[in-house]
N, C-alpha and C. Protein backbone atom coordinates (compact mmCIF):
# COMPACT_ATOMS: atom_id res chain seq x y z
N ARG A 1 9.27 -15.69 -19.92
CA ARG A 1 8.77 -16.68 -19.24
C ARG A 1 10.00 -16.90 -18.01
N ARG A 2 9.92 -16.94 -16.97
CA ARG A 2 11.08 -17.48 -16.13
C ARG A 2 10.99 -18.89 -15.99
N PRO A 3 12.37 -19.74 -15.79
CA PRO A 3 11.99 -21.16 -15.65
C PRO A 3 11.19 -21.50 -14.13
N ALA A 4 10.68 -22.58 -14.38
CA ALA A 4 10.29 -23.12 -13.00
C ALA A 4 11.34 -22.94 -12.06
N GLY A 5 11.12 -23.30 -10.72
CA GLY A 5 11.84 -23.36 -9.56
C GLY A 5 11.93 -22.25 -8.29
N ASN A 6 12.78 -22.15 -7.65
CA ASN A 6 12.82 -21.31 -6.46
C ASN A 6 13.86 -20.31 -6.76
N THR A 7 14.44 -19.91 -7.75
CA THR A 7 15.85 -19.26 -7.94
C THR A 7 15.52 -17.90 -7.52
N ARG A 8 14.19 -17.26 -7.55
CA ARG A 8 14.09 -15.84 -7.15
C ARG A 8 13.66 -15.51 -5.88
N SER A 9 12.98 -16.48 -5.20
CA SER A 9 12.30 -16.60 -4.01
C SER A 9 13.22 -15.97 -2.71
N LEU A 10 12.57 -15.30 -1.75
CA LEU A 10 13.21 -14.61 -1.01
C LEU A 10 12.76 -15.09 0.50
N GLN A 11 13.49 -15.51 1.20
CA GLN A 11 12.96 -16.17 2.78
C GLN A 11 13.36 -14.95 3.78
N VAL A 12 12.26 -14.90 4.50
CA VAL A 12 12.89 -13.78 5.84
C VAL A 12 12.92 -14.65 6.95
N VAL A 13 13.73 -14.56 8.12
CA VAL A 13 13.68 -15.39 9.08
C VAL A 13 13.91 -14.27 10.29
N HIS A 14 13.13 -14.66 11.18
CA HIS A 14 13.04 -13.69 12.52
C HIS A 14 13.87 -14.42 13.37
N SER A 15 14.89 -13.82 13.95
CA SER A 15 15.46 -14.35 15.15
C SER A 15 15.59 -13.37 16.24
N SER A 16 15.89 -13.49 17.50
CA SER A 16 15.77 -12.70 18.45
C SER A 16 16.53 -11.37 18.32
N THR A 17 17.49 -11.31 17.75
CA THR A 17 18.01 -10.08 17.69
C THR A 17 18.42 -9.65 16.07
N LYS A 18 17.93 -10.17 15.21
CA LYS A 18 18.45 -9.86 13.83
C LYS A 18 17.03 -10.45 13.02
N LEU A 19 17.09 -9.70 11.72
CA LEU A 19 16.37 -9.89 10.79
C LEU A 19 16.97 -10.14 9.50
N GLU A 20 17.13 -11.43 8.86
CA GLU A 20 17.96 -11.86 7.82
C GLU A 20 17.26 -12.30 6.83
N ALA A 21 17.46 -11.86 5.42
CA ALA A 21 16.99 -12.24 4.07
C ALA A 21 17.95 -13.21 3.27
N THR A 22 17.61 -14.40 2.90
CA THR A 22 18.36 -15.13 2.56
C THR A 22 17.54 -15.53 0.93
N ARG A 23 18.34 -15.78 -0.17
CA ARG A 23 17.91 -16.08 -1.56
C ARG A 23 18.23 -17.45 -1.95
N GLY A 24 17.08 -17.74 -2.89
CA GLY A 24 17.35 -19.19 -3.21
C GLY A 24 16.94 -20.14 -2.16
N THR A 25 17.78 -21.10 -2.48
CA THR A 25 17.95 -22.66 -1.74
C THR A 25 18.55 -22.40 -0.18
N GLU A 26 19.02 -21.37 0.03
CA GLU A 26 19.99 -20.96 1.40
C GLU A 26 18.92 -21.20 2.53
N ARG A 27 19.41 -22.05 3.39
CA ARG A 27 18.41 -22.12 4.63
C ARG A 27 19.03 -21.36 5.81
N PRO A 28 18.33 -21.06 6.64
CA PRO A 28 18.97 -20.36 8.02
C PRO A 28 19.96 -20.87 8.66
N LYS A 29 20.88 -20.22 9.13
CA LYS A 29 22.01 -20.71 10.08
C LYS A 29 21.24 -21.53 11.00
N GLU A 30 22.29 -22.48 11.74
CA GLU A 30 22.01 -23.27 12.65
C GLU A 30 21.38 -22.70 13.80
N GLY A 31 20.66 -22.87 14.58
CA GLY A 31 20.37 -21.78 15.39
C GLY A 31 19.35 -20.66 15.53
N ASP A 32 19.26 -20.35 14.42
CA ASP A 32 18.00 -18.83 13.94
C ASP A 32 16.62 -19.89 14.38
N MET A 33 15.83 -19.13 14.85
CA MET A 33 14.85 -19.72 15.22
C MET A 33 13.54 -18.78 14.69
N PRO A 34 12.43 -19.47 14.10
CA PRO A 34 11.37 -18.48 13.27
C PRO A 34 10.48 -17.72 14.41
N ALA A 35 10.80 -18.21 15.79
CA ALA A 35 9.90 -17.52 16.78
C ALA A 35 10.69 -17.61 18.14
N VAL A 36 10.37 -17.03 18.91
CA VAL A 36 10.85 -16.61 20.37
C VAL A 36 10.01 -17.56 21.13
N THR A 37 11.05 -18.39 22.00
CA THR A 37 10.44 -19.43 22.94
C THR A 37 10.88 -18.57 24.44
N ALA A 38 10.01 -18.93 25.25
CA ALA A 38 10.16 -18.53 26.59
C ALA A 38 9.98 -19.39 27.26
N GLU A 39 10.98 -19.48 28.48
CA GLU A 39 10.69 -20.64 29.48
C GLU A 39 9.53 -20.33 30.28
N ASN A 40 8.95 -19.36 30.69
CA ASN A 40 7.59 -19.03 31.53
C ASN A 40 7.25 -17.80 30.49
N PRO A 41 5.87 -18.54 29.64
CA PRO A 41 5.23 -17.55 28.74
C PRO A 41 4.56 -16.54 29.43
N LEU A 42 4.31 -16.56 30.92
CA LEU A 42 3.80 -15.73 31.63
C LEU A 42 4.47 -14.27 31.94
N THR A 43 5.81 -14.47 31.82
CA THR A 43 6.76 -13.45 31.81
C THR A 43 6.73 -12.41 30.57
N LEU A 44 6.02 -12.90 29.50
CA LEU A 44 6.37 -12.24 28.46
C LEU A 44 5.36 -10.67 28.34
N PRO A 45 5.81 -9.72 27.84
CA PRO A 45 5.12 -8.44 28.04
C PRO A 45 3.83 -8.72 27.30
N ARG A 46 2.95 -7.96 27.96
CA ARG A 46 1.54 -7.81 27.56
C ARG A 46 0.99 -7.08 26.81
N VAL A 47 0.21 -7.06 25.66
CA VAL A 47 -0.51 -6.18 24.69
C VAL A 47 -1.75 -5.69 25.67
N THR A 48 -1.67 -4.59 25.59
CA THR A 48 -3.10 -3.71 26.27
C THR A 48 -4.44 -4.15 25.24
N ALA A 49 -5.12 -4.25 26.14
CA ALA A 49 -6.60 -4.40 25.52
C ALA A 49 -7.19 -3.30 24.59
N PRO A 50 -7.39 -3.55 23.43
CA PRO A 50 -7.82 -2.56 22.34
C PRO A 50 -9.13 -1.66 23.08
N VAL A 51 -8.94 -0.48 22.45
CA VAL A 51 -10.02 0.71 22.69
C VAL A 51 -11.40 0.01 21.86
N GLY A 52 -12.56 0.13 22.17
CA GLY A 52 -13.62 -0.06 21.75
C GLY A 52 -13.81 0.45 20.22
N PRO A 53 -14.65 0.15 19.54
CA PRO A 53 -14.65 0.52 18.03
C PRO A 53 -15.00 1.84 17.86
N ALA A 54 -14.49 2.58 17.07
CA ALA A 54 -14.79 3.88 17.02
C ALA A 54 -14.99 4.37 15.66
N ALA A 55 -16.27 5.44 15.39
CA ALA A 55 -16.18 5.74 13.95
C ALA A 55 -15.04 6.45 13.34
N ARG A 56 -14.64 6.37 12.15
CA ARG A 56 -13.58 7.05 11.46
C ARG A 56 -14.35 7.79 10.45
N PRO A 57 -13.54 8.66 9.92
CA PRO A 57 -14.29 9.61 8.80
C PRO A 57 -13.83 8.78 7.41
N VAL A 58 -14.46 9.10 6.33
CA VAL A 58 -14.37 8.65 5.10
C VAL A 58 -13.04 9.64 4.29
N LEU A 59 -11.88 9.10 3.94
CA LEU A 59 -11.04 9.96 3.48
C LEU A 59 -11.09 10.09 2.08
N ALA A 60 -11.86 9.10 1.19
CA ALA A 60 -11.93 9.49 -0.18
C ALA A 60 -13.13 8.51 -0.87
N VAL A 61 -13.74 8.74 -2.01
CA VAL A 61 -14.36 7.84 -2.37
C VAL A 61 -14.00 7.93 -4.12
N SER A 62 -13.48 6.55 -4.37
CA SER A 62 -12.91 6.52 -5.83
C SER A 62 -13.28 5.35 -6.49
N THR A 63 -13.20 5.31 -8.03
CA THR A 63 -13.23 4.23 -8.69
C THR A 63 -11.95 3.43 -8.97
N ALA A 64 -12.02 2.28 -8.62
CA ALA A 64 -10.88 1.30 -8.57
C ALA A 64 -10.44 0.98 -10.25
N PRO A 65 -9.49 1.68 -10.39
CA PRO A 65 -8.41 1.63 -11.63
C PRO A 65 -8.40 0.14 -12.11
N ALA A 66 -8.33 -0.15 -13.49
CA ALA A 66 -8.35 -1.44 -13.79
C ALA A 66 -6.94 -1.98 -14.46
N GLY A 67 -6.50 -3.02 -14.21
CA GLY A 67 -5.23 -3.47 -14.42
C GLY A 67 -5.50 -5.06 -14.73
N PHE A 68 -4.11 -5.73 -14.94
CA PHE A 68 -4.25 -7.06 -15.18
C PHE A 68 -3.21 -7.89 -14.46
N GLU A 69 -3.66 -8.76 -13.79
CA GLU A 69 -3.15 -9.69 -12.95
C GLU A 69 -2.34 -10.94 -13.32
N GLY A 70 -1.41 -11.66 -13.19
CA GLY A 70 -0.65 -12.91 -13.65
C GLY A 70 -0.54 -13.00 -15.04
N GLU A 71 -1.06 -13.70 -15.68
CA GLU A 71 -1.22 -14.15 -16.91
C GLU A 71 -2.24 -13.59 -17.94
N GLY A 72 -2.48 -12.17 -17.39
CA GLY A 72 -3.32 -11.25 -18.15
C GLY A 72 -4.76 -11.19 -17.76
N PHE A 73 -5.18 -11.69 -16.59
CA PHE A 73 -6.50 -11.60 -15.97
C PHE A 73 -6.90 -9.97 -15.70
N PRO A 74 -8.01 -9.46 -16.43
CA PRO A 74 -8.27 -8.15 -15.88
C PRO A 74 -8.61 -8.08 -14.43
N VAL A 75 -8.25 -7.22 -13.81
CA VAL A 75 -8.74 -7.10 -12.35
C VAL A 75 -8.70 -5.65 -12.09
N ARG A 76 -9.81 -5.24 -11.06
CA ARG A 76 -9.98 -3.68 -10.57
C ARG A 76 -9.33 -3.84 -8.96
N ARG A 77 -8.25 -2.76 -9.00
CA ARG A 77 -7.66 -2.97 -7.88
C ARG A 77 -8.33 -1.61 -7.04
N ALA A 78 -8.83 -2.23 -5.80
CA ALA A 78 -9.82 -1.18 -5.05
C ALA A 78 -8.67 -0.37 -4.24
N PHE A 79 -7.64 -0.58 -3.97
CA PHE A 79 -7.17 0.14 -3.15
C PHE A 79 -5.42 0.50 -3.61
N ALA A 80 -5.65 0.73 -5.17
CA ALA A 80 -3.99 1.03 -5.69
C ALA A 80 -3.88 2.53 -5.55
N GLY A 81 -2.57 2.65 -5.06
CA GLY A 81 -2.31 4.11 -4.81
C GLY A 81 -2.90 4.78 -3.71
N ILE A 82 -3.41 3.99 -2.71
CA ILE A 82 -3.96 4.62 -1.30
C ILE A 82 -2.88 4.21 -0.30
N ASP A 83 -2.40 5.04 0.29
CA ASP A 83 -1.15 5.19 1.13
C ASP A 83 -1.71 3.98 2.12
N TYR A 84 -0.47 3.18 2.58
CA TYR A 84 -0.74 1.79 2.99
C TYR A 84 -0.81 2.25 4.78
N ARG A 85 -0.63 3.24 5.21
CA ARG A 85 -1.21 3.78 6.54
C ARG A 85 -2.59 3.60 6.66
N HIS A 86 -3.21 3.81 5.59
CA HIS A 86 -4.84 4.05 5.83
C HIS A 86 -5.29 2.59 5.39
N LEU A 87 -4.45 1.56 5.50
CA LEU A 87 -5.23 0.21 5.23
C LEU A 87 -4.96 -0.67 6.07
N ASP A 88 -5.57 -1.69 6.28
CA ASP A 88 -5.41 -2.69 7.13
C ASP A 88 -4.41 -3.92 6.45
N PRO A 89 -3.65 -4.38 7.17
CA PRO A 89 -2.59 -5.10 6.70
C PRO A 89 -2.62 -6.28 6.39
N PHE A 90 -3.97 -7.07 6.19
CA PHE A 90 -4.65 -8.33 6.02
C PHE A 90 -5.63 -7.90 4.80
N ILE A 91 -5.69 -6.81 4.17
CA ILE A 91 -6.93 -6.59 3.11
C ILE A 91 -6.45 -6.52 2.20
N MET A 92 -7.22 -7.22 0.96
CA MET A 92 -6.75 -7.55 -0.35
C MET A 92 -7.94 -7.45 -1.31
N MET A 93 -8.17 -6.49 -1.93
CA MET A 93 -9.58 -6.68 -2.79
C MET A 93 -9.40 -6.57 -4.34
N ASP A 94 -9.33 -7.31 -4.99
CA ASP A 94 -9.31 -7.53 -6.40
C ASP A 94 -10.78 -7.82 -6.91
N GLN A 95 -11.21 -7.17 -7.83
CA GLN A 95 -12.30 -7.87 -8.52
C GLN A 95 -11.94 -8.08 -9.91
N MET A 96 -12.40 -9.42 -10.15
CA MET A 96 -12.31 -9.65 -11.47
C MET A 96 -13.86 -9.96 -12.10
N GLY A 97 -14.39 -9.10 -12.73
CA GLY A 97 -15.69 -9.23 -13.48
C GLY A 97 -15.80 -10.24 -14.50
N GLU A 98 -17.13 -10.08 -14.97
CA GLU A 98 -17.64 -11.04 -15.99
C GLU A 98 -16.65 -10.78 -17.02
N VAL A 99 -15.89 -11.96 -17.77
CA VAL A 99 -15.16 -11.67 -19.06
C VAL A 99 -15.44 -13.03 -19.69
N ASP A 100 -15.31 -12.64 -21.29
CA ASP A 100 -15.59 -13.86 -21.96
C ASP A 100 -14.11 -14.06 -22.86
N TYR A 101 -13.60 -15.26 -22.48
CA TYR A 101 -12.40 -15.75 -23.26
C TYR A 101 -12.68 -16.77 -24.23
N ALA A 102 -11.63 -16.65 -25.24
CA ALA A 102 -12.07 -17.57 -26.33
C ALA A 102 -10.94 -18.65 -25.83
N ALA A 103 -10.88 -19.79 -26.67
CA ALA A 103 -9.99 -20.99 -26.24
C ALA A 103 -8.53 -20.34 -26.36
N GLY A 104 -7.68 -20.99 -25.54
CA GLY A 104 -6.22 -20.53 -25.50
C GLY A 104 -5.98 -19.37 -24.80
N GLU A 105 -7.27 -18.08 -24.38
CA GLU A 105 -6.86 -17.17 -23.99
C GLU A 105 -6.59 -17.25 -22.45
N PRO A 106 -6.08 -16.42 -21.70
CA PRO A 106 -6.05 -16.99 -19.80
C PRO A 106 -7.20 -17.11 -19.36
């Protein structure tokens, strides 16, 4: 078990010209901003409107492989091993089914 603390965390800081990663308790350099500020937000580039919904083909039907999460909780990973290009960046589906634990188990 690792000792408590923030010794292995990774912070990502976006600035206008670079992407930096800092370890542990290091802080971003003075002047780096986590966002871009514009004098006039109306001058920023616009994102085009999305095209309406479209039907997409089913790529595969599979059974989620079983695994363990954290302190040993059994889960089924619905999207394990699937190419990330085929997934939404905000989707996460783990199923933790019915499990009977004895005293002292996770």
